[in-house]
Structure formats: structure tokens, C-alpha cells
Amino acid sequence: MIPAHGTYWANLKNGERLTVEAWDDDGHPMVVGPQGLIRAEKHPTGFTEVENTEVESVAGVLPGGGWHIRQHGGERKIPVFAWVVDRTGWIWPTVMEDGASHAWPKNLHTEAIPPGE
């Protein structure tokens, strides 16, 4: 059995999500069921799919440190108030725009601007 480190969900037919706790020797997801650790497809509620949750598996948050970002080719500099690090080591900025904070989308081509520039 291989530990899953909490970065995957097993989605069930009733809409519930269970954390994949491990993978069996054949690669099937294992979840905690009514009788303990079982293969996801044997859960009484019914299993639909495995979903990768690495974006939601935050490993740490670092202060923005005076950095800014801007979309490539854009003019506007947006202050970064925090850097989020996920379990894979991917780091992305969290910004404040229009009075609300949000993580900057990973798929946007972004330029990071060091403090003082």
C-alpha cells in the first residue's frame, strides 16, 4: 500500500468527497468506509472518480514581501500580499483586487516584479 498524502479525493455518487488515504498495490484508491479502509469502488454509496486536490493542498503561505505581478504585456502592477505554496512545490501569488483577495490563476502568463522595481 502506498500513502496518498491527502492530495486526492474519491468522489461518491451522492456528491460526498472522501480523502484518498492510500493506493493499493494495484493502484486503486483506498478510502475510509463503514468497515475501515476499503477500495473506493467498494464504498456502499458508490464511487464515481478520483479528483486531484493539489491546488487545495496548501503546504505553506509566505508574505508578499513587496512583490508585484502583472499579466505579460500588461501595464498595471498588482501588489502581492501572500505567496501560496502547494504540496507539489508550485508557488502562486495571492492578490487583492476590488476589495477581495484571490489566488492569481496558474494558467495566466504572469510577470513577477521584485520589490523596488
N, C-alpha and C. Protein backbone atom coordinates (compact mmCIF):
# COMPACT_ATOMS: atom_id res chain seq x y z
N MET A 1 0.83 -1.17 0.00
CA MET A 1 0.00 0.00 0.00
C MET A 1 0.88 1.25 0.00
N ILE A 2 0.46 2.25 -0.79
CA ILE A 2 1.22 3.48 -0.95
C ILE A 2 0.42 4.64 -0.33
N PRO A 3 1.00 5.42 0.59
CA PRO A 3 0.27 6.56 1.17
C PRO A 3 -0.08 7.60 0.10
N ALA A 4 -1.24 8.22 0.21
CA ALA A 4 -1.68 9.22 -0.78
C ALA A 4 -1.38 10.65 -0.35
N HIS A 5 -1.02 10.88 0.88
CA HIS A 5 -0.66 12.20 1.39
C HIS A 5 -1.77 13.24 1.25
N GLY A 6 -3.02 12.80 1.18
CA GLY A 6 -4.16 13.71 1.21
C GLY A 6 -4.32 14.65 0.05
N THR A 7 -3.77 14.34 -1.11
CA THR A 7 -3.90 15.24 -2.25
C THR A 7 -4.93 14.78 -3.27
N TYR A 8 -5.70 13.75 -2.96
CA TYR A 8 -6.73 13.25 -3.87
C TYR A 8 -8.02 13.01 -3.11
N TRP A 9 -9.15 13.22 -3.82
CA TRP A 9 -10.46 12.89 -3.30
C TRP A 9 -11.05 11.77 -4.12
N ALA A 10 -11.85 10.95 -3.47
CA ALA A 10 -12.70 9.97 -4.16
C ALA A 10 -14.09 10.57 -4.14
N ASN A 11 -14.64 10.87 -5.31
CA ASN A 11 -15.99 11.42 -5.40
C ASN A 11 -16.99 10.29 -5.41
N LEU A 12 -18.02 10.42 -4.59
CA LEU A 12 -19.05 9.40 -4.49
C LEU A 12 -20.31 9.84 -5.23
N LYS A 13 -21.18 8.89 -5.55
CA LYS A 13 -22.39 9.17 -6.34
C LYS A 13 -23.34 10.13 -5.64
N ASN A 14 -23.30 10.20 -4.32
CA ASN A 14 -24.20 11.10 -3.59
C ASN A 14 -23.62 12.51 -3.46
N GLY A 15 -22.49 12.79 -4.11
CA GLY A 15 -21.87 14.11 -4.06
C GLY A 15 -20.83 14.27 -2.97
N GLU A 16 -20.72 13.29 -2.08
CA GLU A 16 -19.75 13.35 -0.99
C GLU A 16 -18.35 13.12 -1.55
N ARG A 17 -17.37 13.74 -0.89
CA ARG A 17 -15.96 13.54 -1.25
C ARG A 17 -15.24 12.95 -0.05
N LEU A 18 -14.48 11.91 -0.30
CA LEU A 18 -13.67 11.30 0.75
C LEU A 18 -12.21 11.45 0.38
N THR A 19 -11.36 11.70 1.36
CA THR A 19 -9.93 11.78 1.10
C THR A 19 -9.39 10.40 0.76
N VAL A 20 -8.62 10.31 -0.32
CA VAL A 20 -7.94 9.05 -0.64
C VAL A 20 -6.79 8.93 0.35
N GLU A 21 -6.84 7.91 1.17
CA GLU A 21 -5.85 7.71 2.22
C GLU A 21 -4.60 6.97 1.73
N ALA A 22 -4.80 6.13 0.72
CA ALA A 22 -3.70 5.32 0.20
C ALA A 22 -4.10 4.76 -1.15
N TRP A 23 -3.14 4.13 -1.82
CA TRP A 23 -3.37 3.41 -3.07
C TRP A 23 -3.01 1.96 -2.80
N ASP A 24 -3.85 1.04 -3.24
CA ASP A 24 -3.48 -0.36 -3.02
C ASP A 24 -2.38 -0.77 -3.99
N ASP A 25 -1.90 -1.98 -3.89
CA ASP A 25 -0.77 -2.43 -4.72
C ASP A 25 -1.08 -2.41 -6.21
N ASP A 26 -2.37 -2.41 -6.57
CA ASP A 26 -2.77 -2.36 -7.98
C ASP A 26 -3.12 -0.94 -8.43
N GLY A 27 -2.93 0.06 -7.53
CA GLY A 27 -3.18 1.45 -7.89
C GLY A 27 -4.60 1.94 -7.65
N HIS A 28 -5.44 1.14 -7.00
CA HIS A 28 -6.81 1.56 -6.71
C HIS A 28 -6.84 2.47 -5.48
N PRO A 29 -7.69 3.52 -5.51
CA PRO A 29 -7.77 4.42 -4.36
C PRO A 29 -8.44 3.73 -3.17
N MET A 30 -7.87 4.00 -1.98
CA MET A 30 -8.40 3.45 -0.73
C MET A 30 -8.96 4.60 0.11
N VAL A 31 -10.17 4.40 0.65
CA VAL A 31 -10.82 5.41 1.49
C VAL A 31 -11.30 4.75 2.78
N VAL A 32 -11.65 5.58 3.75
CA VAL A 32 -12.20 5.05 4.99
C VAL A 32 -13.70 4.89 4.78
N GLY A 33 -14.16 3.65 4.93
CA GLY A 33 -15.58 3.34 4.81
C GLY A 33 -16.14 2.87 6.14
N PRO A 34 -17.37 2.38 6.14
CA PRO A 34 -18.01 1.95 7.37
C PRO A 34 -17.26 0.83 8.11
N GLN A 35 -16.49 0.05 7.37
CA GLN A 35 -15.77 -1.08 7.96
C GLN A 35 -14.27 -0.83 8.04
N GLY A 36 -13.83 0.42 7.87
CA GLY A 36 -12.40 0.72 7.88
C GLY A 36 -11.91 1.06 6.49
N LEU A 37 -10.64 0.84 6.22
CA LEU A 37 -10.03 1.19 4.94
C LEU A 37 -10.48 0.20 3.86
N ILE A 38 -11.10 0.73 2.80
CA ILE A 38 -11.61 -0.11 1.70
C ILE A 38 -11.26 0.54 0.37
N ARG A 39 -11.35 -0.24 -0.70
CA ARG A 39 -11.20 0.32 -2.04
C ARG A 39 -12.39 1.23 -2.32
N ALA A 40 -12.16 2.39 -2.94
CA ALA A 40 -13.21 3.37 -3.18
C ALA A 40 -14.40 2.77 -3.94
N GLU A 41 -14.14 1.92 -4.90
CA GLU A 41 -15.25 1.37 -5.70
C GLU A 41 -16.14 0.42 -4.90
N LYS A 42 -15.68 0.02 -3.72
CA LYS A 42 -16.49 -0.86 -2.87
C LYS A 42 -17.27 -0.09 -1.81
N HIS A 43 -17.16 1.25 -1.82
CA HIS A 43 -17.90 2.06 -0.85
C HIS A 43 -19.40 1.90 -1.12
N PRO A 44 -20.22 1.71 -0.08
CA PRO A 44 -21.65 1.46 -0.28
C PRO A 44 -22.40 2.60 -0.98
N THR A 45 -21.89 3.81 -0.91
CA THR A 45 -22.56 4.94 -1.55
C THR A 45 -22.32 4.97 -3.05
N GLY A 46 -21.30 4.31 -3.53
CA GLY A 46 -20.98 4.28 -4.94
C GLY A 46 -19.91 5.30 -5.30
N PHE A 47 -18.90 4.88 -5.99
CA PHE A 47 -17.74 5.68 -6.35
C PHE A 47 -17.86 6.13 -7.80
N THR A 48 -17.48 7.41 -8.08
CA THR A 48 -17.53 7.88 -9.46
C THR A 48 -16.15 8.14 -10.06
N GLU A 49 -15.28 8.87 -9.31
CA GLU A 49 -13.98 9.23 -9.87
C GLU A 49 -13.03 9.70 -8.78
N VAL A 50 -11.75 9.79 -9.15
CA VAL A 50 -10.72 10.37 -8.29
C VAL A 50 -10.45 11.78 -8.81
N GLU A 51 -10.33 12.72 -7.88
CA GLU A 51 -10.05 14.11 -8.25
C GLU A 51 -8.78 14.57 -7.55
N ASN A 52 -7.87 15.16 -8.30
CA ASN A 52 -6.63 15.70 -7.74
C ASN A 52 -6.94 17.00 -7.03
N THR A 53 -6.53 17.12 -5.79
CA THR A 53 -6.82 18.32 -4.99
C THR A 53 -5.57 19.11 -4.68
N GLU A 54 -4.51 18.96 -5.45
CA GLU A 54 -3.25 19.60 -5.08
C GLU A 54 -3.35 21.11 -4.94
N VAL A 55 -4.23 21.76 -5.73
CA VAL A 55 -4.37 23.20 -5.59
C VAL A 55 -4.89 23.55 -4.21
N GLU A 56 -5.74 22.70 -3.66
CA GLU A 56 -6.30 22.97 -2.35
C GLU A 56 -5.46 22.40 -1.22
N SER A 57 -4.37 21.76 -1.54
CA SER A 57 -3.50 21.19 -0.52
C SER A 57 -2.34 22.14 -0.27
N VAL A 58 -2.62 23.15 0.50
CA VAL A 58 -1.63 24.19 0.77
C VAL A 58 -0.59 23.67 1.76
N ALA A 59 0.67 23.81 1.40
CA ALA A 59 1.75 23.40 2.29
C ALA A 59 2.25 24.57 3.12
N GLY A 60 2.08 25.79 2.61
CA GLY A 60 2.52 26.96 3.36
C GLY A 60 2.14 28.25 2.67
N VAL A 61 2.23 29.33 3.43
CA VAL A 61 1.95 30.66 2.90
C VAL A 61 3.07 31.59 3.34
N LEU A 62 3.59 32.37 2.40
CA LEU A 62 4.67 33.30 2.68
C LEU A 62 4.18 34.73 2.46
N PRO A 63 4.69 35.71 3.18
CA PRO A 63 4.27 37.10 2.96
C PRO A 63 4.68 37.59 1.57
N GLY A 64 3.92 38.55 1.05
CA GLY A 64 4.18 39.09 -0.28
C GLY A 64 5.53 39.77 -0.42
N GLY A 65 6.04 40.36 0.66
CA GLY A 65 7.38 40.92 0.68
C GLY A 65 7.65 42.06 -0.29
N GLY A 66 6.61 42.81 -0.66
CA GLY A 66 6.81 43.94 -1.56
C GLY A 66 6.79 43.59 -3.04
N TRP A 67 6.55 42.34 -3.39
CA TRP A 67 6.49 41.92 -4.79
C TRP A 67 5.19 42.39 -5.43
N HIS A 68 5.22 42.53 -6.74
CA HIS A 68 4.04 42.83 -7.55
C HIS A 68 4.00 41.83 -8.70
N ILE A 69 2.85 41.73 -9.33
CA ILE A 69 2.73 40.93 -10.55
C ILE A 69 2.00 41.75 -11.59
N ARG A 70 2.15 41.34 -12.82
CA ARG A 70 1.33 41.89 -13.90
C ARG A 70 1.24 40.83 -14.97
N GLN A 71 0.15 40.86 -15.67
CA GLN A 71 -0.03 39.94 -16.78
C GLN A 71 0.96 40.34 -17.87
N HIS A 72 1.58 39.34 -18.54
CA HIS A 72 2.55 39.66 -19.59
C HIS A 72 1.93 40.61 -20.60
N GLY A 73 2.66 41.68 -20.88
CA GLY A 73 2.17 42.68 -21.83
C GLY A 73 1.27 43.72 -21.20
N GLY A 74 0.90 43.53 -19.94
CA GLY A 74 0.02 44.48 -19.26
C GLY A 74 0.80 45.62 -18.64
N GLU A 75 0.10 46.68 -18.29
CA GLU A 75 0.72 47.86 -17.69
C GLU A 75 0.55 47.89 -16.17
N ARG A 76 -0.58 47.39 -15.67
CA ARG A 76 -0.93 47.55 -14.27
C ARG A 76 -0.16 46.58 -13.38
N LYS A 77 0.50 47.13 -12.34
CA LYS A 77 1.18 46.31 -11.34
C LYS A 77 0.21 46.04 -10.19
N ILE A 78 0.08 44.78 -9.80
CA ILE A 78 -0.82 44.39 -8.72
C ILE A 78 0.02 43.90 -7.56
N PRO A 79 -0.14 44.48 -6.35
CA PRO A 79 0.66 44.04 -5.21
C PRO A 79 0.31 42.62 -4.76
N VAL A 80 1.33 41.86 -4.44
CA VAL A 80 1.15 40.50 -3.91
C VAL A 80 1.16 40.62 -2.39
N PHE A 81 0.10 40.11 -1.73
CA PHE A 81 0.14 40.17 -0.27
C PHE A 81 0.54 38.84 0.33
N ALA A 82 0.52 37.75 -0.46
CA ALA A 82 0.99 36.46 0.04
C ALA A 82 1.34 35.56 -1.13
N TRP A 83 2.27 34.64 -0.89
CA TRP A 83 2.62 33.59 -1.85
C TRP A 83 2.15 32.27 -1.26
N VAL A 84 1.36 31.53 -2.01
CA VAL A 84 0.84 30.24 -1.56
C VAL A 84 1.71 29.14 -2.17
N VAL A 85 2.10 28.17 -1.34
CA VAL A 85 2.92 27.04 -1.79
C VAL A 85 2.08 25.79 -1.63
N ASP A 86 1.91 25.03 -2.74
CA ASP A 86 1.16 23.78 -2.60
C ASP A 86 2.11 22.60 -2.35
N ARG A 87 1.55 21.43 -2.16
CA ARG A 87 2.35 20.25 -1.79
C ARG A 87 3.30 19.80 -2.89
N THR A 88 3.08 20.26 -4.13
CA THR A 88 3.98 19.89 -5.22
C THR A 88 5.16 20.85 -5.33
N GLY A 89 5.11 21.96 -4.54
CA GLY A 89 6.16 22.97 -4.61
C GLY A 89 5.82 24.14 -5.51
N TRP A 90 4.66 24.08 -6.18
CA TRP A 90 4.22 25.17 -7.03
C TRP A 90 3.90 26.37 -6.14
N ILE A 91 4.34 27.56 -6.54
CA ILE A 91 4.09 28.79 -5.78
C ILE A 91 3.30 29.73 -6.66
N TRP A 92 2.23 30.32 -6.11
CA TRP A 92 1.48 31.29 -6.87
C TRP A 92 1.08 32.45 -5.97
N PRO A 93 0.93 33.64 -6.57
CA PRO A 93 0.64 34.84 -5.79
C PRO A 93 -0.83 34.94 -5.39
N THR A 94 -1.07 35.54 -4.24
CA THR A 94 -2.40 35.92 -3.82
C THR A 94 -2.43 37.44 -3.82
N VAL A 95 -3.44 38.00 -4.47
CA VAL A 95 -3.51 39.45 -4.65
C VAL A 95 -4.83 39.99 -4.10
N MET A 96 -4.88 41.30 -3.95
CA MET A 96 -6.09 41.98 -3.54
C MET A 96 -6.54 42.85 -4.70
N GLU A 97 -7.73 42.57 -5.20
CA GLU A 97 -8.31 43.38 -6.29
C GLU A 97 -9.76 43.67 -5.96
N ASP A 98 -10.17 44.89 -6.18
CA ASP A 98 -11.57 45.28 -5.96
C ASP A 98 -12.07 44.90 -4.58
N GLY A 99 -11.20 45.01 -3.57
CA GLY A 99 -11.60 44.75 -2.20
C GLY A 99 -11.70 43.29 -1.82
N ALA A 100 -11.30 42.39 -2.72
CA ALA A 100 -11.36 40.95 -2.41
C ALA A 100 -10.02 40.30 -2.73
N SER A 101 -9.64 39.32 -1.91
CA SER A 101 -8.39 38.61 -2.18
C SER A 101 -8.69 37.35 -2.99
N HIS A 102 -7.73 36.99 -3.81
CA HIS A 102 -7.86 35.73 -4.56
C HIS A 102 -6.48 35.28 -5.01
N ALA A 103 -6.37 33.98 -5.21
CA ALA A 103 -5.13 33.43 -5.77
C ALA A 103 -5.11 33.74 -7.26
N TRP A 104 -3.98 34.21 -7.74
CA TRP A 104 -3.83 34.51 -9.15
C TRP A 104 -3.89 33.20 -9.93
N PRO A 105 -4.68 33.11 -10.99
CA PRO A 105 -4.80 31.84 -11.73
C PRO A 105 -3.45 31.34 -12.26
N LYS A 106 -3.21 30.05 -12.11
CA LYS A 106 -1.94 29.46 -12.55
C LYS A 106 -1.77 29.54 -14.06
N ASN A 107 -2.87 29.53 -14.80
CA ASN A 107 -2.76 29.48 -16.26
C ASN A 107 -2.58 30.85 -16.90
N LEU A 108 -2.59 31.93 -16.12
CA LEU A 108 -2.36 33.27 -16.65
C LEU A 108 -0.87 33.52 -16.75
N HIS A 109 -0.41 34.00 -17.90
CA HIS A 109 1.02 34.30 -18.07
C HIS A 109 1.32 35.56 -17.27
N THR A 110 2.13 35.39 -16.24
CA THR A 110 2.35 36.46 -15.28
C THR A 110 3.82 36.79 -15.14
N GLU A 111 4.09 38.05 -14.96
CA GLU A 111 5.45 38.53 -14.71
C GLU A 111 5.53 38.90 -13.24
N ALA A 112 6.51 38.37 -12.52
CA ALA A 112 6.74 38.74 -11.14
C ALA A 112 7.73 39.90 -11.09
N ILE A 113 7.37 40.94 -10.36
CA ILE A 113 8.19 42.15 -10.30
C ILE A 113 8.76 42.27 -8.89
N PRO A 114 10.09 42.24 -8.74
CA PRO A 114 10.72 42.29 -7.41
C PRO A 114 10.45 43.63 -6.72
N PRO A 115 10.59 43.66 -5.39
CA PRO A 115 10.42 44.91 -4.65
C PRO A 115 11.37 46.00 -5.17
N GLY A 116 10.86 47.22 -5.26
CA GLY A 116 11.67 48.35 -5.68
C GLY A 116 11.72 48.60 -7.17
N GLU A 117 11.14 47.73 -7.96
CA GLU A 117 11.15 47.94 -9.43
C GLU A 117 9.85 48.53 -9.88
